[in-house]
PDB file of N, CA and C in Angstrom:
ATOM      1  N   ALA A   1      10.828  18.872 -34.344  1.00  0.00           N
ATOM      2  CA  ALA A   1      12.536  19.306 -35.021  1.00  0.00           C
ATOM      3  C   ALA A   1      13.748  18.341 -34.753  1.00  0.00           C
ATOM      4  N   TYR A   2      14.004  17.685 -33.211  1.00  0.00           N
ATOM      5  CA  TYR A   2      14.780  17.205 -33.035  1.00  0.00           C
ATOM      6  C   TYR A   2      13.591  15.700 -34.526  1.00  0.00           C
ATOM      7  N   SER A   3      13.277  15.038 -34.405  1.00  0.00           N
ATOM      8  CA  SER A   3      13.092  13.918 -35.337  1.00  0.00           C
ATOM      9  C   SER A   3      13.242  13.749 -36.884  1.00  0.00           C
ATOM     10  N   LYS A   4      13.434  15.567 -36.740  1.00  0.00           N
ATOM     11  CA  LYS A   4      13.593  15.751 -38.759  1.00  0.00           C
ATOM     12  C   LYS A   4      15.423  15.099 -38.342  1.00  0.00           C
ATOM     13  N   ILE A   5      15.943  16.107 -37.103  1.00  0.00           N
ATOM     14  CA  ILE A   5      17.669  15.152 -37.523  1.00  0.00           C
ATOM     15  C   ILE A   5      17.733  13.858 -37.059  1.00  0.00           C
ATOM     16  N   GLU A   6      17.105  13.389 -36.324  1.00  0.00           N
ATOM     17  CA  GLU A   6      17.349  11.724 -35.940  1.00  0.00           C
ATOM     18  C   GLU A   6      15.930  11.094 -36.101  1.00  0.00           C
ATOM     19  N   PRO A   7      16.308  10.409 -37.922  1.00  0.00           N
ATOM     20  CA  PRO A   7      14.258   9.905 -37.731  1.00  0.00           C
ATOM     21  C   PRO A   7      14.536   8.512 -37.855  1.00  0.00           C
ATOM     22  N   ASN A   8      14.927   8.077 -36.970  1.00  0.00           N
ATOM     23  CA  ASN A   8      15.420   6.671 -36.767  1.00  0.00           C
ATOM     24  C   ASN A   8      14.527   6.245 -35.521  1.00  0.00           C
ATOM     25  N   GLY A   9      14.744   7.281 -34.570  1.00  0.00           N
ATOM     26  CA  GLY A   9      13.538   7.397 -33.926  1.00  0.00           C
ATOM     27  C   GLY A   9      14.724   6.936 -32.349  1.00  0.00           C
ATOM     28  N   ARG A  10      15.854   6.684 -32.297  1.00  0.00           N
ATOM     29  CA  ARG A  10      16.643   6.596 -31.287  1.00  0.00           C
ATOM     30  C   ARG A  10      16.661   6.477 -30.107  1.00  0.00           C
ATOM     31  N   TYR A  11      15.852   7.964 -30.287  1.00  0.00           N
ATOM     32  CA  TYR A  11      15.457   8.818 -28.474  1.00  0.00           C
ATOM     33  C   TYR A  11      14.472   8.989 -28.112  1.00  0.00           C
ATOM     34  N   HIS A  12      13.794   8.852 -28.886  1.00  0.00           N
ATOM     35  CA  HIS A  12      12.273   8.913 -29.332  1.00  0.00           C
ATOM     36  C   HIS A  12      11.751   8.946 -28.340  1.00  0.00           C
ATOM     37  N   GLY A  13      11.890   8.054 -27.591  1.00  0.00           N
ATOM     38  CA  GLY A  13      11.397   7.888 -25.960  1.00  0.00           C
ATOM     39  C   GLY A  13      11.304   8.635 -24.422  1.00  0.00           C
ATOM     40  N   LYS A  14      13.142   9.094 -24.722  1.00  0.00           N
ATOM     41  CA  LYS A  14      13.436   9.988 -23.864  1.00  0.00           C
ATOM     42  C   LYS A  14      12.899  11.750 -24.536  1.00  0.00           C
ATOM     43  N   LEU A  15      12.898  11.757 -25.652  1.00  0.00           N
ATOM     44  CA  LEU A  15      12.156  13.058 -26.338  1.00  0.00           C
ATOM     45  C   LEU A  15      10.682  13.188 -26.027  1.00  0.00           C
ATOM     46  N   VAL A  16      10.441  12.277 -25.794  1.00  0.00           N
ATOM     47  CA  VAL A  16       8.478  12.081 -24.740  1.00  0.00           C
ATOM     48  C   VAL A  16       8.990  12.578 -23.687  1.00  0.00           C
ATOM     49  N   GLN A  17       9.510  12.283 -22.816  1.00  0.00           N
ATOM     50  CA  GLN A  17      10.018  12.432 -21.655  1.00  0.00           C
ATOM     51  C   GLN A  17      10.158  14.125 -21.049  1.00  0.00           C
ATOM     52  N   LEU A  18      11.185  14.402 -22.191  1.00  0.00           N
ATOM     53  CA  LEU A  18      11.828  15.746 -22.616  1.00  0.00           C
ATOM     54  C   LEU A  18      10.023  16.836 -22.509  1.00  0.00           C
ATOM     55  N   TYR A  19       9.537  16.133 -23.790  1.00  0.00           N
ATOM     56  CA  TYR A  19       7.992  17.179 -23.919  1.00  0.00           C
ATOM     57  C   TYR A  19       7.900  17.227 -22.779  1.00  0.00           C
ATOM     58  N   ALA A  20       7.275  16.210 -22.643  1.00  0.00           N
ATOM     59  CA  ALA A  20       6.446  15.833 -21.130  1.00  0.00           C
ATOM     60  C   ALA A  20       6.951  17.429 -20.078  1.00  0.00           C
ATOM     61  N   LYS A  21       8.177  16.974 -19.879  1.00  0.00           N
ATOM     62  CA  LYS A  21       8.586  18.082 -19.213  1.00  0.00           C
ATOM     63  C   LYS A  21       8.536  19.850 -19.451  1.00  0.00           C
ATOM     64  N   TYR A  22       9.561  19.960 -20.123  1.00  0.00           N
ATOM     65  CA  TYR A  22       9.307  21.134 -20.553  1.00  0.00           C
ATOM     66  C   TYR A  22       9.019  21.576 -21.308  1.00  0.00           C
ATOM     67  N   ALA A  23       8.169  20.329 -22.998  1.00  0.00           N
ATOM     68  CA  ALA A  23       7.998  21.240 -23.387  1.00  0.00           C
ATOM     69  C   ALA A  23       6.279  20.643 -23.585  1.00  0.00           C
ATOM     70  N   ARG A  24       5.712  20.935 -22.983  1.00  0.00           N
ATOM     71  CA  ARG A  24       4.493  20.440 -23.156  1.00  0.00           C
ATOM     72  C   ARG A  24       3.165  20.351 -24.574  1.00  0.00           C
ATOM     73  N   ASP A  25       3.229  21.325 -24.756  1.00  0.00           N
ATOM     74  CA  ASP A  25       3.188  22.051 -26.692  1.00  0.00           C
ATOM     75  C   ASP A  25       3.520  21.463 -27.731  1.00  0.00           C
ATOM     76  N   LYS A  26       4.561  20.583 -27.572  1.00  0.00           N
ATOM     77  CA  LYS A  26       5.056  19.896 -28.619  1.00  0.00           C
ATOM     78  C   LYS A  26       4.949  18.306 -28.491  1.00  0.00           C
ATOM     79  N   LEU A  27       4.620  18.051 -26.911  1.00  0.00           N
ATOM     80  CA  LEU A  27       4.542  16.753 -27.378  1.00  0.00           C
ATOM     81  C   LEU A  27       3.643  16.204 -27.765  1.00  0.00           C
ATOM     82  N   LEU A  28       2.314  16.341 -28.233  1.00  0.00           N
ATOM     83  CA  LEU A  28       1.446  15.482 -28.895  1.00  0.00           C
ATOM     84  C   LEU A  28       0.997  15.923 -30.448  1.00  0.00           C
ATOM     85  N   PRO A  29       1.578  17.150 -31.017  1.00  0.00           N
ATOM     86  CA  PRO A  29       2.422  17.398 -32.470  1.00  0.00           C
ATOM     87  C   PRO A  29       3.463  15.848 -32.776  1.00  0.00           C
ATOM     88  N   PHE A  30       3.993  15.740 -31.695  1.00  0.00           N
ATOM     89  CA  PHE A  30       5.603  14.982 -31.471  1.00  0.00           C
ATOM     90  C   PHE A  30       4.776  13.594 -32.030  1.00  0.00           C
ATOM     91  N   LEU A  31       3.483  13.101 -30.436  1.00  0.00           N
ATOM     92  CA  LEU A  31       3.300  11.713 -30.693  1.00  0.00           C
ATOM     93  C   LEU A  31       2.286  11.321 -31.993  1.00  0.00           C
ATOM     94  N   LYS A  32       2.026  12.707 -32.328  1.00  0.00           N
ATOM     95  CA  LYS A  32       1.346  12.223 -33.884  1.00  0.00           C
ATOM     96  C   LYS A  32       2.560  11.933 -35.098  1.00  0.00           C
ATOM     97  N   CYS A  33       3.409  12.620 -35.138  1.00  0.00           N
ATOM     98  CA  CYS A  33       4.490  12.490 -36.449  1.00  0.00           C
ATOM     99  C   CYS A  33       5.356  11.001 -36.224  1.00  0.00           C
ATOM    100  N   SER A  34       5.689  10.823 -34.739  1.00  0.00           N
ATOM    101  CA  SER A  34       7.030   9.966 -34.878  1.00  0.00           C
ATOM    102  C   SER A  34       5.783   8.499 -34.690  1.00  0.00           C
ATOM    103  N   ASN A  35       6.435   7.531 -35.222  1.00  0.00           N
ATOM    104  CA  ASN A  35       6.518   5.757 -34.674  1.00  0.00           C
ATOM    105  C   ASN A  35       7.092   5.472 -33.805  1.00  0.00           C
ATOM    106  N   ASN A  36       8.116   6.070 -33.490  1.00  0.00           N
ATOM    107  CA  ASN A  36       9.484   5.455 -33.159  1.00  0.00           C
ATOM    108  C   ASN A  36       9.716   5.560 -31.739  1.00  0.00           C
ATOM    109  N   TYR A  37       8.717   5.595 -30.778  1.00  0.00           N
ATOM    110  CA  TYR A  37       8.385   5.789 -29.274  1.00  0.00           C
ATOM    111  C   TYR A  37       7.269   4.453 -28.633  1.00  0.00           C
ATOM    112  N   PRO A  38       8.451   3.992 -27.445  1.00  0.00           N
ATOM    113  CA  PRO A  38       7.755   3.443 -27.171  1.00  0.00           C
ATOM    114  C   PRO A  38       6.184   3.910 -26.293  1.00  0.00           C
ATOM    115  N   ILE A  39       5.005   3.026 -26.872  1.00  0.00           N
ATOM    116  CA  ILE A  39       4.060   3.810 -26.761  1.00  0.00           C
ATOM    117  C   ILE A  39       3.226   3.263 -25.844  1.00  0.00           C
ATOM    118  N   GLN A  40       3.921   2.353 -24.602  1.00  0.00           N
ATOM    119  CA  GLN A  40       3.102   2.394 -23.536  1.00  0.00           C
ATOM    120  C   GLN A  40       3.869   3.064 -22.623  1.00  0.00           C
ATOM    121  N   GLU A  41       5.370   3.149 -22.345  1.00  0.00           N
ATOM    122  CA  GLU A  41       5.578   4.498 -21.767  1.00  0.00           C
ATOM    123  C   GLU A  41       5.976   5.520 -21.993  1.00  0.00           C
ATOM    124  N   ALA A  42       5.130   5.913 -23.445  1.00  0.00           N
ATOM    125  CA  ALA A  42       4.589   7.168 -23.648  1.00  0.00           C
ATOM    126  C   ALA A  42       3.174   7.641 -22.553  1.00  0.00           C
ATOM    127  N   LEU A  43       2.382   6.246 -22.387  1.00  0.00           N
ATOM    128  CA  LEU A  43       1.070   6.807 -22.291  1.00  0.00           C
ATOM    129  C   LEU A  43       1.171   6.123 -20.788  1.00  0.00           C
ATOM    130  N   ASP A  44       2.445   5.840 -20.200  1.00  0.00           N
ATOM    131  CA  ASP A  44       3.039   6.073 -18.866  1.00  0.00           C
ATOM    132  C   ASP A  44       3.325   6.921 -18.093  1.00  0.00           C
ATOM    133  N   VAL A  45       3.612   8.445 -19.529  1.00  0.00           N
ATOM    134  CA  VAL A  45       4.562   9.478 -18.826  1.00  0.00           C
ATOM    135  C   VAL A  45       3.012  10.344 -18.967  1.00  0.00           C
ATOM    136  N   CYS A  46       2.080  10.229 -19.868  1.00  0.00           N
ATOM    137  CA  CYS A  46       0.958  10.870 -19.861  1.00  0.00           C
ATOM    138  C   CYS A  46      -0.329  11.330 -19.124  1.00  0.00           C
ATOM    139  N   GLN A  47      -0.274  10.032 -18.642  1.00  0.00           N
ATOM    140  CA  GLN A  47      -1.351   9.239 -17.025  1.00  0.00           C
ATOM    141  C   GLN A  47      -0.650   9.920 -16.110  1.00  0.00           C
ATOM    142  N   SER A  48       0.827   9.920 -15.832  1.00  0.00           N
ATOM    143  CA  SER A  48       1.306  10.459 -14.423  1.00  0.00           C
ATOM    144  C   SER A  48       1.258  11.676 -14.399  1.00  0.00           C
ATOM    145  N   ASN A  49       1.506  12.627 -15.702  1.00  0.00           N
ATOM    146  CA  ASN A  49       1.053  13.643 -15.804  1.00  0.00           C
ATOM    147  C   ASN A  49       0.006  13.849 -16.098  1.00  0.00           C
ATOM    148  N   GLU A  50      -1.530  13.492 -15.770  1.00  0.00           N
ATOM    149  CA  GLU A  50      -2.748  13.456 -16.583  1.00  0.00           C
ATOM    150  C   GLU A  50      -2.490  14.256 -17.774  1.00  0.00           C
ATOM    151  N   PHE A  51      -1.910  13.840 -18.756  1.00  0.00           N
ATOM    152  CA  PHE A  51      -2.003  14.779 -19.903  1.00  0.00           C
ATOM    153  C   PHE A  51      -3.013  14.029 -20.552  1.00  0.00           C
ATOM    154  N   TYR A  52      -4.758  14.814 -20.639  1.00  0.00           N
ATOM    155  CA  TYR A  52      -5.450  13.861 -21.588  1.00  0.00           C
ATOM    156  C   TYR A  52      -5.110  13.974 -22.247  1.00  0.00           C
ATOM    157  N   PRO A  53      -5.091  15.037 -23.040  1.00  0.00           N
ATOM    158  CA  PRO A  53      -5.536  15.078 -24.508  1.00  0.00           C
ATOM    159  C   PRO A  53      -4.784  13.914 -25.609  1.00  0.00           C
ATOM    160  N   GLU A  54      -3.021  14.132 -24.910  1.00  0.00           N
ATOM    161  CA  GLU A  54      -1.711  12.609 -25.446  1.00  0.00           C
ATOM    162  C   GLU A  54      -2.617  11.491 -24.841  1.00  0.00           C
ATOM    163  N   MET A  55      -3.241  11.236 -23.722  1.00  0.00           N
ATOM    164  CA  MET A  55      -3.736   9.590 -23.669  1.00  0.00           C
ATOM    165  C   MET A  55      -4.685   9.373 -24.534  1.00  0.00           C
ATOM    166  N   VAL A  56      -5.701  10.464 -24.956  1.00  0.00           N
ATOM    167  CA  VAL A  56      -6.454   9.759 -25.426  1.00  0.00           C
ATOM    168  C   VAL A  56      -6.323   9.424 -27.677  1.00  0.00           C
ATOM    169  N   PHE A  57      -5.141  10.331 -27.672  1.00  0.00           N
ATOM    170  CA  PHE A  57      -4.780  10.418 -28.830  1.00  0.00           C
ATOM    171  C   PHE A  57      -3.877   8.255 -28.641  1.00  0.00           C
ATOM    172  N   LEU A  58      -2.936   8.062 -27.899  1.00  0.00           N
ATOM    173  CA  LEU A  58      -2.092   6.967 -27.834  1.00  0.00           C
ATOM    174  C   LEU A  58      -3.122   6.043 -26.953  1.00  0.00           C
ATOM    175  N   LEU A  59      -3.942   5.941 -26.410  1.00  0.00           N
ATOM    176  CA  LEU A  59      -5.399   4.931 -25.928  1.00  0.00           C
ATOM    177  C   LEU A  59      -6.139   4.204 -27.640  1.00  0.00           C
ATOM    178  N   GLY A  60      -6.458   5.326 -28.533  1.00  0.00           N
ATOM    179  CA  GLY A  60      -6.776   5.733 -29.398  1.00  0.00           C
ATOM    180  C   GLY A  60      -6.188   4.596 -31.007  1.00  0.00           C
ATOM    181  N   ARG A  61      -4.606   5.429 -30.273  1.00  0.00           N
ATOM    182  CA  ARG A  61      -3.827   4.223 -31.443  1.00  0.00           C
ATOM    183  C   ARG A  61      -3.142   2.918 -31.098  1.00  0.00           C
ATOM    184  N   ILE A  62      -3.404   2.593 -30.192  1.00  0.00           N
ATOM    185  CA  ILE A  62      -3.567   1.163 -29.414  1.00  0.00           C
ATOM    186  C   ILE A  62      -4.834   0.472 -29.360  1.00  0.00           C
ATOM    187  N   GLY A  63      -5.553   1.028 -29.915  1.00  0.00           N
ATOM    188  CA  GLY A  63      -7.166  -0.111 -30.044  1.00  0.00           C
ATOM    189  C   GLY A  63      -7.934   0.313 -28.785  1.00  0.00           C
ATOM    190  N   ASN A  64      -7.275   1.403 -27.692  1.00  0.00           N
ATOM    191  CA  ASN A  64      -8.520   1.227 -26.730  1.00  0.00           C
ATOM    192  C   ASN A  64      -9.483   2.750 -26.904  1.00  0.00           C
ATOM    193  N   THR A  65     -10.425   2.610 -27.839  1.00  0.00           N
ATOM    194  CA  THR A  65     -10.854   3.479 -28.632  1.00  0.00           C
ATOM    195  C   THR A  65     -11.775   3.736 -27.012  1.00  0.00           C
ATOM    196  N   ARG A  66     -12.691   2.915 -26.235  1.00  0.00           N
ATOM    197  CA  ARG A  66     -13.765   2.990 -25.251  1.00  0.00           C
ATOM    198  C   ARG A  66     -13.232   3.568 -23.675  1.00  0.00           C
ATOM    199  N   GLU A  67     -12.114   3.799 -23.471  1.00  0.00           N
ATOM    200  CA  GLU A  67     -10.796   3.703 -22.748  1.00  0.00           C
ATOM    201  C   GLU A  67     -10.737   5.887 -22.329  1.00  0.00           C
ATOM    202  N   ALA A  68     -10.744   5.933 -24.510  1.00  0.00           N
ATOM    203  CA  ALA A  68     -10.065   6.614 -24.482  1.00  0.00           C
ATOM    204  C   ALA A  68     -11.458   8.106 -24.710  1.00  0.00           C
ATOM    205  N   LEU A  69     -12.752   7.293 -25.231  1.00  0.00           N
ATOM    206  CA  LEU A  69     -14.064   7.856 -25.023  1.00  0.00           C
ATOM    207  C   LEU A  69     -13.826   8.652 -23.898  1.00  0.00           C
ATOM    208  N   GLN A  70     -13.488   7.800 -22.796  1.00  0.00           N
ATOM    209  CA  GLN A  70     -14.462   8.107 -21.639  1.00  0.00           C
ATOM    210  C   GLN A  70     -13.554   9.618 -20.751  1.00  0.00           C
ATOM    211  N   ILE A  71     -12.232   8.828 -20.985  1.00  0.00           N
ATOM    212  CA  ILE A  71     -11.170  10.293 -21.408  1.00  0.00           C
ATOM    213  C   ILE A  71     -11.956  11.861 -21.182  1.00  0.00           C
ATOM    214  N   ILE A  72     -12.420  11.522 -22.744  1.00  0.00           N
ATOM    215  CA  ILE A  72     -12.997  13.085 -23.571  1.00  0.00           C
ATOM    216  C   ILE A  72     -13.964  13.591 -22.661  1.00  0.00           C
ATOM    217  N   ILE A  73     -15.052  12.117 -22.987  1.00  0.00           N
ATOM    218  CA  ILE A  73     -16.299  12.725 -22.085  1.00  0.00           C
ATOM    219  C   ILE A  73     -16.060  12.974 -20.231  1.00  0.00           C
ATOM    220  N   GLU A  74     -15.082  12.725 -19.719  1.00  0.00           N
ATOM    221  CA  GLU A  74     -15.178  12.907 -18.227  1.00  0.00           C
ATOM    222  C   GLU A  74     -14.263  13.765 -18.014  1.00  0.00           C
ATOM    223  N   LYS A  75     -13.620  13.538 -18.320  1.00  0.00           N
ATOM    224  CA  LYS A  75     -11.844  14.436 -17.820  1.00  0.00           C
ATOM    225  C   LYS A  75     -11.723  15.714 -19.270  1.00  0.00           C
ATOM    226  N   LEU A  76     -12.289  15.823 -20.609  1.00  0.00           N
ATOM    227  CA  LEU A  76     -12.391  16.981 -21.293  1.00  0.00           C
ATOM    228  C   LEU A  76     -14.020  17.632 -20.696  1.00  0.00           C
ATOM    229  N   ASN A  77     -14.633  16.679 -21.083  1.00  0.00           N
ATOM    230  CA  ASN A  77     -15.708  17.212 -21.287  1.00  0.00           C
ATOM    231  C   ASN A  77     -16.266  17.904 -22.438  1.00  0.00           C
ATOM    232  N   ASN A  78     -16.084  17.221 -23.221  1.00  0.00           N
ATOM    233  CA  ASN A  78     -16.211  18.160 -24.520  1.00  0.00           C
ATOM    234  C   ASN A  78     -16.942  16.608 -25.779  1.00  0.00           C
ATOM    235  N   ILE A  79     -17.594  17.101 -26.048  1.00  0.00           N
ATOM    236  CA  ILE A  79     -18.668  15.992 -26.426  1.00  0.00           C
ATOM    237  C   ILE A  79     -18.927  16.601 -28.209  1.00  0.00           C
ATOM    238  N   ASN A  80     -18.491  17.064 -28.469  1.00  0.00           N
ATOM    239  CA  ASN A  80     -17.658  18.037 -30.071  1.00  0.00           C
ATOM    240  C   ASN A  80     -16.016  16.757 -30.566  1.00  0.00           C
ATOM    241  N   GLN A  81     -15.542  16.962 -29.416  1.00  0.00           N
ATOM    242  CA  GLN A  81     -14.773  15.862 -29.415  1.00  0.00           C
ATOM    243  C   GLN A  81     -14.807  14.438 -28.912  1.00  0.00           C
ATOM    244  N   ALA A  82     -15.563  14.044 -28.395  1.00  0.00           N
ATOM    245  CA  ALA A  82     -16.410  12.800 -28.233  1.00  0.00           C
ATOM    246  C   ALA A  82     -16.976  13.001 -29.899  1.00  0.00           C
ATOM    247  N   ILE A  83     -17.575  13.157 -30.133  1.00  0.00           N
ATOM    248  CA  ILE A  83     -18.380  12.807 -32.122  1.00  0.00           C
ATOM    249  C   ILE A  83     -17.329  12.456 -32.698  1.00  0.00           C
ATOM    250  N   ASN A  84     -16.436  13.500 -33.173  1.00  0.00           N
ATOM    251  CA  ASN A  84     -15.661  13.256 -33.463  1.00  0.00           C
ATOM    252  C   ASN A  84     -14.820  12.200 -33.667  1.00  0.00           C
ATOM    253  N   PHE A  85     -14.778  11.525 -31.926  1.00  0.00           N
ATOM    254  CA  PHE A  85     -14.084  10.893 -32.270  1.00  0.00           C
ATOM    255  C   PHE A  85     -14.641   9.659 -32.784  1.00  0.00           C
ATOM    256  N   CYS A  86     -15.448   9.501 -32.012  1.00  0.00           N
ATOM    257  CA  CYS A  86     -16.681   8.619 -32.815  1.00  0.00           C
ATOM    258  C   CYS A  86     -17.061   8.555 -34.247  1.00  0.00           C
ATOM    259  N   GLN A  87     -16.856   9.344 -35.135  1.00  0.00           N
ATOM    260  CA  GLN A  87     -17.081   9.276 -36.117  1.00  0.00           C
ATOM    261  C   GLN A  87     -15.643   9.328 -36.856  1.00  0.00           C
ATOM    262  N   GLU A  88     -14.477   9.462 -36.481  1.00  0.00           N
ATOM    263  CA  GLU A  88     -12.811   8.715 -37.258  1.00  0.00           C
ATOM    264  C   GLU A  88     -12.719   7.118 -36.688  1.00  0.00           C
ATOM    265  N   HIS A  89     -13.591   6.898 -35.719  1.00  0.00           N
ATOM    266  CA  HIS A  89     -12.852   5.411 -35.589  1.00  0.00           C
ATOM    267  C   HIS A  89     -13.745   4.504 -35.691  1.00  0.00           C
ATOM    268  N   ASN A  90     -15.390   5.208 -36.681  1.00  0.00           N
ATOM    269  CA  ASN A  90     -16.551   4.261 -37.095  1.00  0.00           C
ATOM    270  C   ASN A  90     -16.597   2.762 -36.290  1.00  0.00           C
ATOM    271  N   ASP A  91     -16.573   2.852 -35.627  1.00  0.00           N
ATOM    272  CA  ASP A  91     -16.973   2.261 -34.705  1.00  0.00           C
ATOM    273  C   ASP A  91     -18.265   2.213 -33.709  1.00  0.00           C
ATOM    274  N   LYS A  92     -19.281   1.110 -33.878  1.00  0.00           N
ATOM    275  CA  LYS A  92     -20.796   1.187 -32.870  1.00  0.00           C
ATOM    276  C   LYS A  92     -21.016   1.030 -31.629  1.00  0.00           C
ATOM    277  N   GLU A  93     -20.060   0.231 -31.569  1.00  0.00           N
ATOM    278  CA  GLU A  93     -20.361   0.126 -29.529  1.00  0.00           C
ATOM    279  C   GLU A  93     -18.895   1.706 -29.413  1.00  0.00           C
ATOM    280  N   LEU A  94     -18.230   2.429 -29.793  1.00  0.00           N
ATOM    281  CA  LEU A  94     -18.579   3.289 -29.264  1.00  0.00           C
ATOM    282  C   LEU A  94     -19.468   5.297 -29.311  1.00  0.00           C
ATOM    283  N   TRP A  95     -20.288   4.328 -29.938  1.00  0.00           N
ATOM    284  CA  TRP A  95     -21.469   5.469 -31.006  1.00  0.00           C
ATOM    285  C   TRP A  95     -22.053   5.455 -29.109  1.00  0.00           C
ATOM    286  N   THR A  96     -22.862   3.496 -29.024  1.00  0.00           N
ATOM    287  CA  THR A  96     -23.368   3.132 -27.638  1.00  0.00           C
ATOM    288  C   THR A  96     -22.465   3.521 -26.862  1.00  0.00           C
ATOM    289  N   ASP A  97     -21.595   3.720 -26.547  1.00  0.00           N
ATOM    290  CA  ASP A  97     -20.836   4.117 -25.448  1.00  0.00           C
ATOM    291  C   ASP A  97     -21.417   5.516 -24.801  1.00  0.00           C
ATOM    292  N   LEU A  98     -20.716   6.881 -25.732  1.00  0.00           N
ATOM    293  CA  LEU A  98     -20.919   8.126 -26.380  1.00  0.00           C
ATOM    294  C   LEU A  98     -22.621   8.117 -25.826  1.00  0.00           C
ATOM    295  N   ILE A  99     -23.220   7.582 -26.391  1.00  0.00           N
ATOM    296  CA  ILE A  99     -25.121   7.464 -26.128  1.00  0.00           C
ATOM    297  C   ILE A  99     -25.733   7.554 -24.231  1.00  0.00           C
ATOM    298  N   LYS A 100     -24.667   6.369 -24.407  1.00  0.00           N
ATOM    299  CA  LYS A 100     -24.844   6.082 -22.545  1.00  0.00           C
ATOM    300  C   LYS A 100     -24.658   6.412 -21.773  1.00  0.00           C
ATOM    301  N   GLN A 101     -23.414   7.066 -21.497  1.00  0.00           N
ATOM    302  CA  GLN A 101     -22.155   8.110 -21.113  1.00  0.00           C
ATOM    303  C   GLN A 101     -23.008   9.459 -20.290  1.00  0.00           C
ATOM    304  N   THR A 102     -23.806  10.224 -22.115  1.00  0.00           N
ATOM    305  CA  THR A 102     -24.169  11.796 -21.485  1.00  0.00           C
ATOM    306  C   THR A 102     -25.728  11.485 -21.196  1.00  0.00           C
ATOM    307  N   VAL A 103     -26.089  10.759 -21.527  1.00  0.00           N
ATOM    308  CA  VAL A 103     -27.246   9.940 -20.714  1.00  0.00           C
ATOM    309  C   VAL A 103     -28.032   9.790 -19.277  1.00  0.00           C
ATOM    310  N   ASP A 104     -26.812   9.302 -19.596  1.00  0.00           N
ATOM    311  CA  ASP A 104     -26.643   9.202 -16.861  1.00  0.00           C
ATOM    312  C   ASP A 104     -25.778  10.133 -16.889  1.00  0.00           C
ATOM    313  N   LYS A 105     -25.159  11.168 -18.075  1.00  0.00           N
ATOM    314  CA  LYS A 105     -24.345  12.721 -17.146  1.00  0.00           C
ATOM    315  C   LYS A 105     -25.362  13.143 -16.471  1.00  0.00           C
ATOM    316  N   PRO A 106     -25.461  13.354 -15.062  1.00  0.00           N
ATOM    317  CA  PRO A 106     -26.123  14.682 -14.769  1.00  0.00           C
ATOM    318  C   PRO A 106     -26.532  16.015 -15.223  1.00  0.00           C
ATOM    319  N   GLU A 107     -25.491  17.001 -16.051  1.00  0.00           N
ATOM    320  CA  GLU A 107     -25.359  17.928 -16.241  1.00  0.00           C
ATOM    321  C   GLU A 107     -26.148  18.234 -17.579  1.00  0.00           C
TER     322      GLU A 107
END
């Protein structure tokens, strides 16, 4: 809602912090629809709060797909999401990482 009122994004970095603190359910949709927040700051906020889905999105956005995949597998423990993530990014190395990490996983 706020991003529609203030489209140039002057306060979007602050908005990330506020959503993280007071309205987590709005954070990921906001991250997906805005390009006007400092990504590293948003990632730092998400890491300090252990907001893994948001971290996966941000890491994928900055091209750190291997770390994002690792979070999906180790923290979210969601193989279907991992497969979808690999399909979205269409990277052979990601598929190799997925296979290695799931084969080595004791569960």
